[in-house]
C-alpha atoms as a PDB file:
ATOM      1  CA  UNK A   1     102.591  98.459 100.757  1.00  0.00           C
ATOM      2  CA  UNK A   2     105.448 100.840 100.303  1.00  0.00           C
ATOM      3  CA  UNK A   3     108.794 101.778 101.810  1.00  0.00           C
ATOM      4  CA  UNK A   4     111.392  99.382 100.461  1.00  0.00           C
ATOM      5  CA  UNK A   5     108.823  97.171  98.736  1.00  0.00           C
ATOM      6  CA  UNK A   6     107.489  94.867 101.422  1.00  0.00           C
ATOM      7  CA  UNK A   7     108.980  93.310 104.537  1.00  0.00           C
ATOM      8  CA  UNK A   8     109.482  89.572 104.869  1.00  0.00           C
ATOM      9  CA  UNK A   9     106.540  89.388 107.293  1.00  0.00           C
ATOM     10  CA  UNK A  10     104.397  91.393 104.884  1.00  0.00           C
ATOM     11  CA  UNK A  11     105.515  89.149 102.038  1.00  0.00           C
ATOM     12  CA  UNK A  12     104.432  86.040 103.969  1.00  0.00           C
ATOM     13  CA  UNK A  13     100.980  87.536 104.566  1.00  0.00           C
ATOM     14  CA  UNK A  14     100.731  88.552 100.902  1.00  0.00           C
ATOM     15  CA  UNK A  15     101.845  85.100  99.775  1.00  0.00           C
ATOM     16  CA  UNK A  16      99.121  83.464 101.882  1.00  0.00           C
ATOM     17  CA  UNK A  17      96.443  85.766 100.461  1.00  0.00           C
ATOM     18  CA  UNK A  18      97.613  85.090  96.892  1.00  0.00           C
ATOM     19  CA  UNK A  19      97.685  81.348  97.507  1.00  0.00           C
ATOM     20  CA  UNK A  20      94.146  81.365  98.917  1.00  0.00           C
ATOM     21  CA  UNK A  21      92.854  83.260  95.884  1.00  0.00           C
ATOM     22  CA  UNK A  22      91.358  86.248  97.687  1.00  0.00           C
ATOM     23  CA  UNK A  23      89.767  88.808  95.372  1.00  0.00           C
ATOM     24  CA  UNK A  24      91.955  91.903  95.851  1.00  0.00           C
ATOM     25  CA  UNK A  25      94.439  94.202  94.151  1.00  0.00           C
ATOM     26  CA  UNK A  26      97.823  94.675  95.850  1.00  0.00           C
ATOM     27  CA  UNK A  27      99.869  97.736  94.830  1.00  0.00           C
ATOM     28  CA  UNK A  28     103.504  97.579  95.891  1.00  0.00           C
ATOM     29  CA  UNK A  29     105.269 100.958  95.713  1.00  0.00           C
ATOM     30  CA  UNK A  30     108.964 100.129  95.522  1.00  0.00           C
ATOM     31  CA  UNK A  31     111.451 102.882  96.434  1.00  0.00           C
ATOM     32  CA  UNK A  32     114.215 100.282  96.796  1.00  0.00           C
ATOM     33  CA  UNK A  33     115.067 100.845 100.491  1.00  0.00           C
ATOM     34  CA  UNK A  34     113.487 101.546 103.855  1.00  0.00           C
ATOM     35  CA  UNK A  35     113.358 105.284 103.226  1.00  0.00           C
ATOM     36  CA  UNK A  36     111.079 106.350 106.100  1.00  0.00           C
ATOM     37  CA  UNK A  37     113.501 104.957 108.676  1.00  0.00           C
ATOM     38  CA  UNK A  38     116.661 106.545 107.285  1.00  0.00           C
ATOM     39  CA  UNK A  39     117.462 105.090 103.849  1.00  0.00           C
ATOM     40  CA  UNK A  40     118.254 101.583 105.117  1.00  0.00           C
ATOM     41  CA  UNK A  41     118.923  98.723 102.718  1.00  0.00           C
ATOM     42  CA  UNK A  42     116.189  96.191 102.071  1.00  0.00           C
ATOM     43  CA  UNK A  43     115.896  93.076  99.941  1.00  0.00           C
ATOM     44  CA  UNK A  44     114.590  95.446  97.237  1.00  0.00           C
ATOM     45  CA  UNK A  45     117.786  97.535  97.222  1.00  0.00           C
ATOM     46  CA  UNK A  46     119.744  97.157  93.963  1.00  0.00           C
ATOM     47  CA  UNK A  47     123.193  95.598  93.858  1.00  0.00           C
ATOM     48  CA  UNK A  48     125.862  98.253  94.396  1.00  0.00           C
ATOM     49  CA  UNK A  49     123.592 100.955  95.814  1.00  0.00           C
ATOM     50  CA  UNK A  50     124.887 102.852  98.832  1.00  0.00           C
ATOM     51  CA  UNK A  51     122.488 103.197 101.783  1.00  0.00           C
ATOM     52  CA  UNK A  52     122.943 104.077 105.446  1.00  0.00           C
ATOM     53  CA  UNK A  53     123.119 100.385 106.411  1.00  0.00           C
ATOM     54  CA  UNK A  54     125.029  99.268 103.283  1.00  0.00           C
ATOM     55  CA  UNK A  55     127.397 102.227 102.904  1.00  0.00           C
ATOM     56  CA  UNK A  56     129.974 102.346 100.138  1.00  0.00           C
ATOM     57  CA  UNK A  57     133.579 102.662 101.244  1.00  0.00           C
ATOM     58  CA  UNK A  58     137.018 101.107 101.112  1.00  0.00           C
ATOM     59  CA  UNK A  59     135.702  97.737 102.298  1.00  0.00           C
ATOM     60  CA  UNK A  60     132.333  97.628 100.505  1.00  0.00           C
ATOM     61  CA  UNK A  61     130.671  98.552  97.210  1.00  0.00           C
ATOM     62  CA  UNK A  62     127.386  99.128  99.050  1.00  0.00           C
ATOM     63  CA  UNK A  63     124.566  96.608  98.673  1.00  0.00           C
ATOM     64  CA  UNK A  64     126.133  93.203  97.930  1.00  0.00           C
ATOM     65  CA  UNK A  65     123.042  91.163  97.015  1.00  0.00           C
ATOM     66  CA  UNK A  66     120.814  91.424  93.950  1.00  0.00           C
ATOM     67  CA  UNK A  67     117.349  92.907  94.241  1.00  0.00           C
ATOM     68  CA  UNK A  68     114.567  90.483  95.167  1.00  0.00           C
ATOM     69  CA  UNK A  69     112.256  89.890  92.182  1.00  0.00           C
ATOM     70  CA  UNK A  70     108.853  90.375  93.827  1.00  0.00           C
ATOM     71  CA  UNK A  71     106.803  90.307  90.590  1.00  0.00           C
ATOM     72  CA  UNK A  72     108.296  86.868  89.831  1.00  0.00           C
ATOM     73  CA  UNK A  73     107.401  85.699  93.343  1.00  0.00           C
ATOM     74  CA  UNK A  74     103.828  86.909  92.860  1.00  0.00           C
ATOM     75  CA  UNK A  75     103.619  85.280  89.412  1.00  0.00           C
ATOM     76  CA  UNK A  76     104.849  81.981  90.895  1.00  0.00           C
ATOM     77  CA  UNK A  77     101.542  81.829  92.804  1.00  0.00           C
ATOM     78  CA  UNK A  78      99.748  81.373  89.452  1.00  0.00           C
ATOM     79  CA  UNK A  79      97.417  84.293  90.114  1.00  0.00           C
ATOM     80  CA  UNK A  80      95.363  85.850  87.297  1.00  0.00           C
ATOM     81  CA  UNK A  81      97.230  89.160  87.005  1.00  0.00           C
ATOM     82  CA  UNK A  82     100.726  90.469  87.772  1.00  0.00           C
ATOM     83  CA  UNK A  83     102.230  93.643  86.331  1.00  0.00           C
ATOM     84  CA  UNK A  84     105.038  96.127  86.711  1.00  0.00           C
ATOM     85  CA  UNK A  85     104.458  99.852  86.330  1.00  0.00           C
ATOM     86  CA  UNK A  86     106.093 103.236  86.800  1.00  0.00           C
ATOM     87  CA  UNK A  87     104.526 106.704  87.225  1.00  0.00           C
ATOM     88  CA  UNK A  88     106.869 107.937  84.467  1.00  0.00           C
ATOM     89  CA  UNK A  89     104.518 106.012  82.137  1.00  0.00           C
ATOM     90  CA  UNK A  90     101.228 107.274  83.618  1.00  0.00           C
ATOM     91  CA  UNK A  91      98.787 105.888  81.053  1.00  0.00           C
ATOM     92  CA  UNK A  92     100.352 102.436  81.280  1.00  0.00           C
ATOM     93  CA  UNK A  93     100.105 102.650  85.086  1.00  0.00           C
ATOM     94  CA  UNK A  94      96.451 103.726  85.011  1.00  0.00           C
ATOM     95  CA  UNK A  95      95.514 100.994  82.536  1.00  0.00           C
ATOM     96  CA  UNK A  96      97.180  98.322  84.661  1.00  0.00           C
ATOM     97  CA  UNK A  97      95.519  99.496  87.878  1.00  0.00           C
ATOM     98  CA  UNK A  98      92.133  99.417  86.106  1.00  0.00           C
ATOM     99  CA  UNK A  99      92.867  95.925  84.775  1.00  0.00           C
ATOM    100  CA  UNK A 100      94.043  94.706  88.173  1.00  0.00           C
ATOM    101  CA  UNK A 101      90.957  96.118  89.912  1.00  0.00           C
ATOM    102  CA  UNK A 102      88.714  94.384  87.373  1.00  0.00           C
ATOM    103  CA  UNK A 103      90.476  91.027  87.792  1.00  0.00           C
ATOM    104  CA  UNK A 104      88.466  88.243  89.383  1.00  0.00           C
ATOM    105  CA  UNK A 105      90.865  86.968  92.022  1.00  0.00           C
ATOM    106  CA  UNK A 106      94.173  88.277  93.328  1.00  0.00           C
ATOM    107  CA  UNK A 107      96.128  90.846  91.317  1.00  0.00           C
ATOM    108  CA  UNK A 108      99.574  92.299  92.055  1.00  0.00           C
ATOM    109  CA  UNK A 109     101.157  95.441  90.568  1.00  0.00           C
ATOM    110  CA  UNK A 110     104.772  96.334  91.347  1.00  0.00           C
ATOM    111  CA  UNK A 111     105.333 100.085  90.926  1.00  0.00           C
ATOM    112  CA  UNK A 112     108.791 101.667  90.805  1.00  0.00           C
ATOM    113  CA  UNK A 113     108.754 104.775  92.989  1.00  0.00           C
ATOM    114  CA  UNK A 114     111.759 107.062  92.513  1.00  0.00           C
ATOM    115  CA  UNK A 115     112.899 108.547  95.846  1.00  0.00           C
ATOM    116  CA  UNK A 116     115.024 111.701  95.336  1.00  0.00           C
ATOM    117  CA  UNK A 117     116.301 111.704  98.937  1.00  0.00           C
ATOM    118  CA  UNK A 118     117.344 108.055  99.064  1.00  0.00           C
ATOM    119  CA  UNK A 119     118.512 107.870  95.462  1.00  0.00           C
ATOM    120  CA  UNK A 120     120.390 111.181  95.847  1.00  0.00           C
ATOM    121  CA  UNK A 121     118.966 112.789  92.739  1.00  0.00           C
ATOM    122  CA  UNK A 122     117.278 116.131  91.967  1.00  0.00           C
ATOM    123  CA  UNK A 123     113.486 116.123  92.334  1.00  0.00           C
ATOM    124  CA  UNK A 124     113.036 117.511  88.826  1.00  0.00           C
ATOM    125  CA  UNK A 125     114.637 114.366  87.371  1.00  0.00           C
ATOM    126  CA  UNK A 126     112.245 111.808  88.916  1.00  0.00           C
ATOM    127  CA  UNK A 127     110.180 111.326  85.741  1.00  0.00           C
ATOM    128  CA  UNK A 128     113.315 111.070  83.605  1.00  0.00           C
ATOM    129  CA  UNK A 129     114.951 108.571  85.960  1.00  0.00           C
ATOM    130  CA  UNK A 130     111.797 106.435  85.974  1.00  0.00           C
ATOM    131  CA  UNK A 131     111.788 106.404  82.173  1.00  0.00           C
ATOM    132  CA  UNK A 132     115.490 105.528  82.103  1.00  0.00           C
ATOM    133  CA  UNK A 133     114.873 102.611  84.481  1.00  0.00           C
ATOM    134  CA  UNK A 134     112.575 101.199  81.798  1.00  0.00           C
ATOM    135  CA  UNK A 135     114.692 102.192  78.781  1.00  0.00           C
ATOM    136  CA  UNK A 136     117.810 100.536  80.230  1.00  0.00           C
ATOM    137  CA  UNK A 137     115.940  97.335  81.128  1.00  0.00           C
ATOM    138  CA  UNK A 138     116.638  97.789  84.835  1.00  0.00           C
ATOM    139  CA  UNK A 139     112.880  97.968  85.493  1.00  0.00           C
ATOM    140  CA  UNK A 140     111.029  96.508  82.484  1.00  0.00           C
ATOM    141  CA  UNK A 141     107.296  97.083  82.155  1.00  0.00           C
ATOM    142  CA  UNK A 142     105.296  93.919  81.567  1.00  0.00           C
ATOM    143  CA  UNK A 143     102.146  91.991  82.456  1.00  0.00           C
ATOM    144  CA  UNK A 144     101.531  88.351  83.314  1.00  0.00           C
ATOM    145  CA  UNK A 145      97.897  87.493  82.582  1.00  0.00           C
ATOM    146  CA  UNK A 146      96.939  83.944  83.504  1.00  0.00           C
ATOM    147  CA  UNK A 147     100.568  82.881  83.120  1.00  0.00           C
ATOM    148  CA  UNK A 148     101.106  84.614  79.755  1.00  0.00           C
ATOM    149  CA  UNK A 149     103.844  87.277  79.643  1.00  0.00           C
ATOM    150  CA  UNK A 150     103.485  90.474  77.617  1.00  0.00           C
ATOM    151  CA  UNK A 151     106.039  93.290  77.534  1.00  0.00           C
ATOM    152  CA  UNK A 152     104.271  96.651  77.767  1.00  0.00           C
ATOM    153  CA  UNK A 153     107.129  98.818  76.521  1.00  0.00           C
ATOM    154  CA  UNK A 154     109.069  96.583  74.149  1.00  0.00           C
ATOM    155  CA  UNK A 155     112.429  98.071  73.278  1.00  0.00           C
ATOM    156  CA  UNK A 156     114.431  96.824  70.282  1.00  0.00           C
ATOM    157  CA  UNK A 157     117.633  98.004  71.977  1.00  0.00           C
ATOM    158  CA  UNK A 158     118.295  98.860  75.614  1.00  0.00           C
ATOM    159  CA  UNK A 159     120.144 101.989  76.637  1.00  0.00           C
ATOM    160  CA  UNK A 160     123.309 101.412  78.732  1.00  0.00           C
ATOM    161  CA  UNK A 161     122.693 101.187  82.484  1.00  0.00           C
ATOM    162  CA  UNK A 162     125.108 104.087  83.008  1.00  0.00           C
ATOM    163  CA  UNK A 163     122.481 106.450  81.512  1.00  0.00           C
ATOM    164  CA  UNK A 164     120.288 105.606  84.509  1.00  0.00           C
ATOM    165  CA  UNK A 165     122.932 105.231  87.199  1.00  0.00           C
ATOM    166  CA  UNK A 166     124.947 108.413  86.534  1.00  0.00           C
ATOM    167  CA  UNK A 167     121.997 110.590  87.620  1.00  0.00           C
ATOM    168  CA  UNK A 168     121.928 109.052  91.126  1.00  0.00           C
ATOM    169  CA  UNK A 169     124.401 109.629  93.930  1.00  0.00           C
ATOM    170  CA  UNK A 170     123.754 106.191  95.404  1.00  0.00           C
ATOM    171  CA  UNK A 171     125.734 104.668  92.492  1.00  0.00           C
ATOM    172  CA  UNK A 172     128.468 107.299  91.984  1.00  0.00           C
ATOM    173  CA  UNK A 173     131.122 105.227  93.786  1.00  0.00           C
ATOM    174  CA  UNK A 174     130.881 102.197  91.489  1.00  0.00           C
ATOM    175  CA  UNK A 175     133.825 101.159  89.323  1.00  0.00           C
ATOM    176  CA  UNK A 176     133.521 100.415  85.609  1.00  0.00           C
ATOM    177  CA  UNK A 177     134.019  96.739  86.435  1.00  0.00           C
ATOM    178  CA  UNK A 178     131.043  96.636  88.814  1.00  0.00           C
ATOM    179  CA  UNK A 179     128.891  98.641  86.396  1.00  0.00           C
ATOM    180  CA  UNK A 180     129.828  96.105  83.703  1.00  0.00           C
ATOM    181  CA  UNK A 181     128.669  93.304  86.001  1.00  0.00           C
ATOM    182  CA  UNK A 182     125.355  95.096  86.537  1.00  0.00           C
ATOM    183  CA  UNK A 183     125.006  95.660  82.776  1.00  0.00           C
ATOM    184  CA  UNK A 184     125.560  91.969  82.077  1.00  0.00           C
ATOM    185  CA  UNK A 185     122.951  90.943  84.655  1.00  0.00           C
ATOM    186  CA  UNK A 186     120.373  93.420  83.282  1.00  0.00           C
ATOM    187  CA  UNK A 187     120.996  92.296  79.698  1.00  0.00           C
ATOM    188  CA  UNK A 188     120.597  88.625  80.650  1.00  0.00           C
ATOM    189  CA  UNK A 189     117.449  89.230  82.702  1.00  0.00           C
ATOM    190  CA  UNK A 190     115.848  91.268  79.904  1.00  0.00           C
ATOM    191  CA  UNK A 191     116.641  88.512  77.391  1.00  0.00           C
ATOM    192  CA  UNK A 192     114.937  85.970  79.683  1.00  0.00           C
ATOM    193  CA  UNK A 193     111.873  88.222  79.927  1.00  0.00           C
ATOM    194  CA  UNK A 194     111.768  88.526  76.116  1.00  0.00           C
ATOM    195  CA  UNK A 195     111.872  84.726  75.862  1.00  0.00           C
ATOM    196  CA  UNK A 196     108.938  84.395  78.257  1.00  0.00           C
ATOM    197  CA  UNK A 197     106.943  86.905  76.232  1.00  0.00           C
ATOM    198  CA  UNK A 198     107.805  85.335  72.851  1.00  0.00           C
END
């Protein structure tokens, strides 16, 4: 799967396959919008991001809903292996793909895929932006093996979300107040993940 994570129809088919326990590895490449059809918002688009179908302007901040948590949905099926990964951490990504392929039963890996065109960022910053997504806690790297959570890149302190957002044009319109709201949500979600992994 790719472009904007996965559609609702695709998610239903995936959910059925996970529920039935088919032996397969599903790689979801998440670029956080429907990029191939013109940078349209999807349920994977982050809160506040500007897209062609959720444009920022006088009447809107851009995307007004929070990003759908697909790894959590996959994990709720009680499958043997769920993970998040990012090409900016290539060895972690390769290890997780190998582990997922070796899993007996369904495995799901959610991979953040930076899109310079849709995210309005220079191509030479894609690796840096991927690393910042992890370092800010916006896209934490973790595994869920047989229901047990393990953080792959455990950070004692998160960087501020502005370090990640300021490099992308899709967020440049956001006010300090909205960025503060995003920071609070990221901090809370990361704390919940740490609790699960404790």
